[in-house]
Amino acid sequence: MTFLAIQCHEYFGVDLDIMWEIIQTDIPQFKIQIQALLNELSQS
């Protein structure tokens, strides 16, 4: 099951502590990786 599906269909089963950890750690790292890919593509 995807992260989005869990958010949409199992709202009351979501652990808010895990959500906050994802927001604080995973998303910023993902943003850095995406920005690096975009920079690489723009230089090609």
PDB file of N, CA and C in Angstrom:
ATOM      1  N   MET A   1       0.849  -1.169   0.000  1.00  0.00           N
ATOM      2  CA  MET A   1       0.000   0.000   0.000  1.00  0.00           C
ATOM      3  C   MET A   1       0.897   1.236   0.000  1.00  0.00           C
ATOM      4  N   THR A   2       0.542   2.211  -0.798  1.00  0.00           N
ATOM      5  CA  THR A   2       1.359   3.415  -0.899  1.00  0.00           C
ATOM      6  C   THR A   2       1.073   4.373   0.251  1.00  0.00           C
ATOM      7  N   PHE A   3       2.003   5.281   0.450  1.00  0.00           N
ATOM      8  CA  PHE A   3       1.860   6.300   1.488  1.00  0.00           C
ATOM      9  C   PHE A   3       0.574   7.104   1.278  1.00  0.00           C
ATOM     10  N   LEU A   4       0.310   7.499   0.033  1.00  0.00           N
ATOM     11  CA  LEU A   4      -0.889   8.281  -0.266  1.00  0.00           C
ATOM     12  C   LEU A   4      -2.157   7.494   0.023  1.00  0.00           C
ATOM     13  N   ALA A   5      -2.175   6.220  -0.337  1.00  0.00           N
ATOM     14  CA  ALA A   5      -3.358   5.390  -0.089  1.00  0.00           C
ATOM     15  C   ALA A   5      -3.641   5.280   1.402  1.00  0.00           C
ATOM     16  N   ILE A   6      -2.596   5.135   2.185  1.00  0.00           N
ATOM     17  CA  ILE A   6      -2.789   5.060   3.638  1.00  0.00           C
ATOM     18  C   ILE A   6      -3.399   6.357   4.144  1.00  0.00           C
ATOM     19  N   GLN A   7      -2.895   7.489   3.669  1.00  0.00           N
ATOM     20  CA  GLN A   7      -3.409   8.779   4.111  1.00  0.00           C
ATOM     21  C   GLN A   7      -4.869   8.977   3.722  1.00  0.00           C
ATOM     22  N   CYS A   8      -5.230   8.525   2.538  1.00  0.00           N
ATOM     23  CA  CYS A   8      -6.589   8.737   2.034  1.00  0.00           C
ATOM     24  C   CYS A   8      -7.604   7.765   2.611  1.00  0.00           C
ATOM     25  N   HIS A   9      -7.193   6.513   2.836  1.00  0.00           N
ATOM     26  CA  HIS A   9      -8.164   5.481   3.174  1.00  0.00           C
ATOM     27  C   HIS A   9      -8.096   4.986   4.610  1.00  0.00           C
ATOM     28  N   GLU A  10      -7.014   5.263   5.288  1.00  0.00           N
ATOM     29  CA  GLU A  10      -6.873   4.781   6.656  1.00  0.00           C
ATOM     30  C   GLU A  10      -6.477   5.923   7.585  1.00  0.00           C
ATOM     31  N   TYR A  11      -7.159   7.032   7.439  1.00  0.00           N
ATOM     32  CA  TYR A  11      -6.799   8.237   8.183  1.00  0.00           C
ATOM     33  C   TYR A  11      -6.678   7.988   9.680  1.00  0.00           C
ATOM     34  N   PHE A  12      -7.620   7.268  10.261  1.00  0.00           N
ATOM     35  CA  PHE A  12      -7.610   7.075  11.710  1.00  0.00           C
ATOM     36  C   PHE A  12      -6.561   6.063  12.159  1.00  0.00           C
ATOM     37  N   GLY A  13      -5.978   5.327  11.214  1.00  0.00           N
ATOM     38  CA  GLY A  13      -4.931   4.376  11.551  1.00  0.00           C
ATOM     39  C   GLY A  13      -3.534   4.960  11.421  1.00  0.00           C
ATOM     40  N   VAL A  14      -3.446   6.239  11.078  1.00  0.00           N
ATOM     41  CA  VAL A  14      -2.159   6.885  10.856  1.00  0.00           C
ATOM     42  C   VAL A  14      -1.518   7.242  12.190  1.00  0.00           C
ATOM     43  N   ASP A  15      -0.248   6.909  12.335  1.00  0.00           N
ATOM     44  CA  ASP A  15       0.514   7.261  13.529  1.00  0.00           C
ATOM     45  C   ASP A  15       1.108   8.653  13.306  1.00  0.00           C
ATOM     46  N   LEU A  16       0.643   9.625  14.063  1.00  0.00           N
ATOM     47  CA  LEU A  16       1.074  11.006  13.859  1.00  0.00           C
ATOM     48  C   LEU A  16       2.553  11.206  14.142  1.00  0.00           C
ATOM     49  N   ASP A  17       3.122  10.427  15.042  1.00  0.00           N
ATOM     50  CA  ASP A  17       4.558  10.529  15.308  1.00  0.00           C
ATOM     51  C   ASP A  17       5.370  10.094  14.087  1.00  0.00           C
ATOM     52  N   ILE A  18       4.914   9.031  13.435  1.00  0.00           N
ATOM     53  CA  ILE A  18       5.597   8.577  12.222  1.00  0.00           C
ATOM     54  C   ILE A  18       5.434   9.612  11.114  1.00  0.00           C
ATOM     55  N   MET A  19       4.236  10.168  10.990  1.00  0.00           N
ATOM     56  CA  MET A  19       4.002  11.209   9.984  1.00  0.00           C
ATOM     57  C   MET A  19       4.940  12.389  10.203  1.00  0.00           C
ATOM     58  N   TRP A  20       5.077  12.826  11.449  1.00  0.00           N
ATOM     59  CA  TRP A  20       5.929  13.975  11.748  1.00  0.00           C
ATOM     60  C   TRP A  20       7.391  13.649  11.428  1.00  0.00           C
ATOM     61  N   GLU A  21       7.819  12.427  11.717  1.00  0.00           N
ATOM     62  CA  GLU A  21       9.188  12.019  11.402  1.00  0.00           C
ATOM     63  C   GLU A  21       9.426  12.048   9.892  1.00  0.00           C
ATOM     64  N   ILE A  22       8.461  11.587   9.129  1.00  0.00           N
ATOM     65  CA  ILE A  22       8.568  11.621   7.666  1.00  0.00           C
ATOM     66  C   ILE A  22       8.680  13.057   7.180  1.00  0.00           C
ATOM     67  N   ILE A  23       7.842  13.922   7.717  1.00  0.00           N
ATOM     68  CA  ILE A  23       7.855  15.331   7.319  1.00  0.00           C
ATOM     69  C   ILE A  23       9.198  15.972   7.638  1.00  0.00           C
ATOM     70  N   GLN A  24       9.747  15.665   8.795  1.00  0.00           N
ATOM     71  CA  GLN A  24      10.985  16.293   9.248  1.00  0.00           C
ATOM     72  C   GLN A  24      12.248  15.715   8.610  1.00  0.00           C
ATOM     73  N   THR A  25      12.261  14.433   8.286  1.00  0.00           N
ATOM     74  CA  THR A  25      13.503  13.812   7.819  1.00  0.00           C
ATOM     75  C   THR A  25      13.454  13.348   6.373  1.00  0.00           C
ATOM     76  N   ASP A  26      12.455  12.609   6.009  1.00  0.00           N
ATOM     77  CA  ASP A  26      12.429  12.008   4.672  1.00  0.00           C
ATOM     78  C   ASP A  26      12.159  13.024   3.570  1.00  0.00           C
ATOM     79  N   ILE A  27      11.207  13.900   3.776  1.00  0.00           N
ATOM     80  CA  ILE A  27      10.845  14.852   2.721  1.00  0.00           C
ATOM     81  C   ILE A  27      11.992  15.813   2.410  1.00  0.00           C
ATOM     82  N   PRO A  28      12.674  16.396   3.400  1.00  0.00           N
ATOM     83  CA  PRO A  28      13.810  17.264   3.058  1.00  0.00           C
ATOM     84  C   PRO A  28      14.915  16.529   2.287  1.00  0.00           C
ATOM     85  N   GLN A  29      15.200  15.287   2.648  1.00  0.00           N
ATOM     86  CA  GLN A  29      16.207  14.508   1.924  1.00  0.00           C
ATOM     87  C   GLN A  29      15.746  14.227   0.493  1.00  0.00           C
ATOM     88  N   PHE A  30      14.472  13.931   0.329  1.00  0.00           N
ATOM     89  CA  PHE A  30      13.913  13.690  -0.996  1.00  0.00           C
ATOM     90  C   PHE A  30      14.031  14.951  -1.850  1.00  0.00           C
ATOM     91  N   LYS A  31      13.770  16.102  -1.249  1.00  0.00           N
ATOM     92  CA  LYS A  31      13.869  17.377  -1.963  1.00  0.00           C
ATOM     93  C   LYS A  31      15.295  17.605  -2.462  1.00  0.00           C
ATOM     94  N   ILE A  32      16.290  17.295  -1.633  1.00  0.00           N
ATOM     95  CA  ILE A  32      17.691  17.450  -2.026  1.00  0.00           C
ATOM     96  C   ILE A  32      18.009  16.551  -3.219  1.00  0.00           C
ATOM     97  N   GLN A  33      17.537  15.321  -3.170  1.00  0.00           N
ATOM     98  CA  GLN A  33      17.798  14.375  -4.259  1.00  0.00           C
ATOM     99  C   GLN A  33      17.134  14.820  -5.559  1.00  0.00           C
ATOM    100  N   ILE A  34      15.911  15.292  -5.466  1.00  0.00           N
ATOM    101  CA  ILE A  34      15.193  15.765  -6.657  1.00  0.00           C
ATOM    102  C   ILE A  34      15.887  16.991  -7.236  1.00  0.00           C
ATOM    103  N   GLN A  35      16.326  17.910  -6.374  1.00  0.00           N
ATOM    104  CA  GLN A  35      17.015  19.108  -6.854  1.00  0.00           C
ATOM    105  C   GLN A  35      18.312  18.741  -7.569  1.00  0.00           C
ATOM    106  N   ALA A  36      19.046  17.763  -7.041  1.00  0.00           N
ATOM    107  CA  ALA A  36      20.282  17.317  -7.688  1.00  0.00           C
ATOM    108  C   ALA A  36      19.983  16.737  -9.071  1.00  0.00           C
ATOM    109  N   LEU A  37      18.928  15.954  -9.176  1.00  0.00           N
ATOM    110  CA  LEU A  37      18.544  15.398 -10.478  1.00  0.00           C
ATOM    111  C   LEU A  37      18.151  16.494 -11.464  1.00  0.00           C
ATOM    112  N   LEU A  38      17.401  17.469 -10.992  1.00  0.00           N
ATOM    113  CA  LEU A  38      16.994  18.573 -11.865  1.00  0.00           C
ATOM    114  C   LEU A  38      18.203  19.369 -12.332  1.00  0.00           C
ATOM    115  N   ASN A  39      19.153  19.604 -11.429  1.00  0.00           N
ATOM    116  CA  ASN A  39      20.373  20.323 -11.804  1.00  0.00           C
ATOM    117  C   ASN A  39      21.161  19.542 -12.849  1.00  0.00           C
ATOM    118  N   GLU A  40      21.255  18.236 -12.666  1.00  0.00           N
ATOM    119  CA  GLU A  40      21.971  17.386 -13.614  1.00  0.00           C
ATOM    120  C   GLU A  40      21.294  17.416 -14.981  1.00  0.00           C
ATOM    121  N   LEU A  41      19.981  17.358 -14.992  1.00  0.00           N
ATOM    122  CA  LEU A  41      19.248  17.384 -16.259  1.00  0.00           C
ATOM    123  C   LEU A  41      19.400  18.725 -16.970  1.00  0.00           C
ATOM    124  N   SER A  42      19.425  19.804 -16.214  1.00  0.00           N
ATOM    125  CA  SER A  42      19.528  21.125 -16.837  1.00  0.00           C
ATOM    126  C   SER A  42      20.924  21.365 -17.420  1.00  0.00           C
ATOM    127  N   GLN A  43      21.929  20.624 -16.936  1.00  0.00           N
ATOM    128  CA  GLN A  43      23.293  20.768 -17.451  1.00  0.00           C
ATOM    129  C   GLN A  43      23.548  19.876 -18.662  1.00  0.00           C
ATOM    130  N   SER A  44      22.644  18.965 -18.944  1.00  0.00           N
ATOM    131  CA  SER A  44      22.841  18.040 -20.074  1.00  0.00           C
ATOM    132  C   SER A  44      22.474  18.688 -21.385  1.00  0.00           C
TER     133      SER A  44
END
